[in-house]
Amino acid sequence: MTQPTHFSNRILRPVKPWFIGLTLLLSIFANMIPVGNLPGIPDWTALILTFWCIREPLKVSMGLAFLLGLTMDVANGSIIGQHALAYVLLAYAANRLSRRILWFPLLQQALQILPLLLLAQLSMLAARLLAGAHFPGLEYFLGSLVSALLWYPLTYLLLLPQYRPAEKDENRPI
């Protein structure tokens, strides 16, 4: 019986906590790039936060998600708490589903990430609508779809530091 193609023969090294912090910091900077009202721009912080909540649920918690959300609220000048609420819900759902999601190949993982990202966007939209904003239209949800499409390449990119080649020891084949 052959092994499915979505399993790797390589053993991943543990992720460095500074790398998680760096990627989350870079995602905040990516969210601050002024792009106007272009539809389909992903929420980079939500995407990277989801990745680390699924991959490292013991290192990335809802408390960190709350702090990232408050940072995004201040950076965007939006209603204080809308990103914080969305990111906490996202982190909770991703942490709860992390073991289940990791069993699937990357394309099927992306399909399971899409509802999580939509949940985050819906919670932000609800906070805005309760504050009196207007409905931005259905193109507002394109960001979640683009984020789900980016899940496949993003996973490989964020796992690259863990794939560093080790010196081969003939006595230890692993």
Foldseek 3Di string as FASTA:
>chain_A
DDDDPQDDPDDFDDDDLVLLVVQLVVLLVVQLPDPDPDFQAASSNLLSLLVCCLVPVPSRALVNQLVSQQVSCVSVVHDRPLSSVLSSQLSVVSNVCNVVLVVDHLLVSLVVVLVSSVSSLVSSQVVCVVVPDDDPDPSNSSNSVSSSVCRVVVVCVSRVVRRDDDDQDPVDRD
